[in-house]
Amino acid sequence: MKINNGGMTGVNPYTLQANKAGNMKESKSVAKDKVEISSAAKEMQQLSPIPAARQAKVDELKIQVENGTYKLNAQATAKGLIDFYRK
């Protein structure tokens, strides 16, 4: 009894699949992210400068974080989150 190979002979189905995937990548255009800030938002930034006391606290925290001396109060953070989401 003789068994004949059916279908396409000498064709690697994995190569065909890889070629299809490669063609799909080439045909799609690459989308890039873009951020636009409206003129109203820019105006709001300029109208509301950060108060000096708050800026001093932010600068102090930056220094502590950079030095590795900043200690997080986990209970106060958790309480703040709970209070925020209960509103």
C-alpha atoms as a PDB file:
ATOM      1  CA  MET A   1       0.000   0.000   0.000  1.00  0.00           C
ATOM      2  CA  LYS A   2       1.289   3.430  -0.909  1.00  0.00           C
ATOM      3  CA  ILE A   3       0.563   6.532   1.189  1.00  0.00           C
ATOM      4  CA  ASN A   4       0.638   9.836  -0.681  1.00  0.00           C
ATOM      5  CA  ASN A   5       1.302  13.104   1.019  1.00  0.00           C
ATOM      6  CA  GLY A   6      -1.775  15.223   0.650  1.00  0.00           C
ATOM      7  CA  GLY A   7      -1.838  18.962   0.414  1.00  0.00           C
ATOM      8  CA  MET A   8       1.129  21.169  -0.272  1.00  0.00           C
ATOM      9  CA  THR A   9       4.488  19.452  -0.280  1.00  0.00           C
ATOM     10  CA  GLY A  10       7.723  21.162   0.524  1.00  0.00           C
ATOM     11  CA  VAL A  11       5.996  24.019   2.310  1.00  0.00           C
ATOM     12  CA  ASN A  12       6.663  24.816   5.917  1.00  0.00           C
ATOM     13  CA  PRO A  13       3.426  26.053   7.539  1.00  0.00           C
ATOM     14  CA  TYR A  14       5.394  27.784  10.298  1.00  0.00           C
ATOM     15  CA  THR A  15       7.252  29.893   7.763  1.00  0.00           C
ATOM     16  CA  LEU A  16       3.974  30.882   6.152  1.00  0.00           C
ATOM     17  CA  GLN A  17       2.583  31.955   9.517  1.00  0.00           C
ATOM     18  CA  ALA A  18       5.728  33.941  10.330  1.00  0.00           C
ATOM     19  CA  ASN A  19       5.528  35.704   6.958  1.00  0.00           C
ATOM     20  CA  LYS A  20       1.902  36.630   7.571  1.00  0.00           C
ATOM     21  CA  ALA A  21       2.767  38.071  10.997  1.00  0.00           C
ATOM     22  CA  GLY A  22       5.666  40.039   9.491  1.00  0.00           C
ATOM     23  CA  ASN A  23       3.464  41.483   6.754  1.00  0.00           C
ATOM     24  CA  MET A  24       0.867  42.570   9.292  1.00  0.00           C
ATOM     25  CA  LYS A  25       3.465  44.476  11.306  1.00  0.00           C
ATOM     26  CA  GLU A  26       4.741  46.287   8.230  1.00  0.00           C
ATOM     27  CA  SER A  27       1.294  47.280   7.008  1.00  0.00           C
ATOM     28  CA  LYS A  28       0.205  48.946  10.252  1.00  0.00           C
ATOM     29  CA  SER A  29       1.273  52.523  10.793  1.00  0.00           C
ATOM     30  CA  VAL A  30       3.003  53.288  14.049  1.00  0.00           C
ATOM     31  CA  ALA A  31       0.868  55.496  16.291  1.00  0.00           C
ATOM     32  CA  LYS A  32       2.655  57.865  18.635  1.00  0.00           C
ATOM     33  CA  ASP A  33       1.306  59.341  21.831  1.00  0.00           C
ATOM     34  CA  LYS A  34       0.711  63.057  21.874  1.00  0.00           C
ATOM     35  CA  VAL A  35      -0.202  65.362  24.736  1.00  0.00           C
ATOM     36  CA  GLU A  36      -1.794  68.733  24.199  1.00  0.00           C
ATOM     37  CA  ILE A  37      -2.413  71.199  27.012  1.00  0.00           C
ATOM     38  CA  SER A  38      -5.215  73.630  26.331  1.00  0.00           C
ATOM     39  CA  SER A  39      -4.683  77.353  26.613  1.00  0.00           C
ATOM     40  CA  ALA A  40      -7.205  77.421  29.485  1.00  0.00           C
ATOM     41  CA  ALA A  41      -5.121  74.890  31.436  1.00  0.00           C
ATOM     42  CA  LYS A  42      -1.942  76.876  30.795  1.00  0.00           C
ATOM     43  CA  GLU A  43      -3.673  80.015  32.034  1.00  0.00           C
ATOM     44  CA  MET A  44      -4.831  78.217  35.198  1.00  0.00           C
ATOM     45  CA  GLN A  45      -1.266  77.138  35.927  1.00  0.00           C
ATOM     46  CA  GLN A  46      -0.014  80.685  35.743  1.00  0.00           C
ATOM     47  CA  LEU A  47      -2.842  82.142  37.829  1.00  0.00           C
ATOM     48  CA  SER A  48      -2.434  79.782  40.781  1.00  0.00           C
ATOM     49  CA  PRO A  49       1.204  79.765  41.891  1.00  0.00           C
ATOM     50  CA  ILE A  50       2.194  77.442  44.703  1.00  0.00           C
ATOM     51  CA  PRO A  51       2.187  79.185  48.096  1.00  0.00           C
ATOM     52  CA  ALA A  52       5.655  79.681  49.593  1.00  0.00           C
ATOM     53  CA  ALA A  53       4.896  77.537  52.670  1.00  0.00           C
ATOM     54  CA  ARG A  54       3.759  74.614  50.522  1.00  0.00           C
ATOM     55  CA  GLN A  55       6.772  74.964  48.234  1.00  0.00           C
ATOM     56  CA  ALA A  56       9.082  74.889  51.261  1.00  0.00           C
ATOM     57  CA  LYS A  57       7.453  71.667  52.473  1.00  0.00           C
ATOM     58  CA  VAL A  58       7.775  70.084  49.014  1.00  0.00           C
ATOM     59  CA  ASP A  59      11.463  71.040  48.858  1.00  0.00           C
ATOM     60  CA  GLU A  60      12.039  69.575  52.329  1.00  0.00           C
ATOM     61  CA  LEU A  61      10.353  66.301  51.340  1.00  0.00           C
ATOM     62  CA  LYS A  62      12.405  66.095  48.133  1.00  0.00           C
ATOM     63  CA  ILE A  63      15.607  66.411  50.148  1.00  0.00           C
ATOM     64  CA  GLN A  64      14.469  63.722  52.608  1.00  0.00           C
ATOM     65  CA  VAL A  65      13.576  61.316  49.792  1.00  0.00           C
ATOM     66  CA  GLU A  66      16.895  61.898  48.011  1.00  0.00           C
ATOM     67  CA  ASN A  67      18.835  61.314  51.251  1.00  0.00           C
ATOM     68  CA  GLY A  68      16.793  58.231  52.131  1.00  0.00           C
ATOM     69  CA  THR A  69      15.685  59.698  55.459  1.00  0.00           C
ATOM     70  CA  TYR A  70      11.977  60.063  54.591  1.00  0.00           C
ATOM     71  CA  LYS A  71       9.801  57.937  56.865  1.00  0.00           C
ATOM     72  CA  LEU A  72       6.271  57.133  55.770  1.00  0.00           C
ATOM     73  CA  ASN A  73       3.508  57.160  58.386  1.00  0.00           C
ATOM     74  CA  ALA A  74       1.430  54.234  57.121  1.00  0.00           C
ATOM     75  CA  GLN A  75      -1.481  54.836  59.508  1.00  0.00           C
ATOM     76  CA  ALA A  76      -1.853  58.481  58.521  1.00  0.00           C
ATOM     77  CA  THR A  77      -1.683  57.543  54.830  1.00  0.00           C
ATOM     78  CA  ALA A  78      -4.333  54.831  55.235  1.00  0.00           C
ATOM     79  CA  LYS A  79      -6.580  57.187  57.195  1.00  0.00           C
ATOM     80  CA  GLY A  80      -6.245  59.836  54.494  1.00  0.00           C
ATOM     81  CA  LEU A  81      -7.192  57.325  51.793  1.00  0.00           C
ATOM     82  CA  ILE A  82     -10.191  56.086  53.735  1.00  0.00           C
ATOM     83  CA  ASP A  83     -11.377  59.626  54.427  1.00  0.00           C
ATOM     84  CA  PHE A  84     -10.986  60.537  50.764  1.00  0.00           C
ATOM     85  CA  TYR A  85     -13.025  57.598  49.468  1.00  0.00           C
ATOM     86  CA  ARG A  86     -15.765  57.930  52.091  1.00  0.00           C
ATOM     87  CA  LYS A  87     -16.677  61.382  50.780  1.00  0.00           C
END
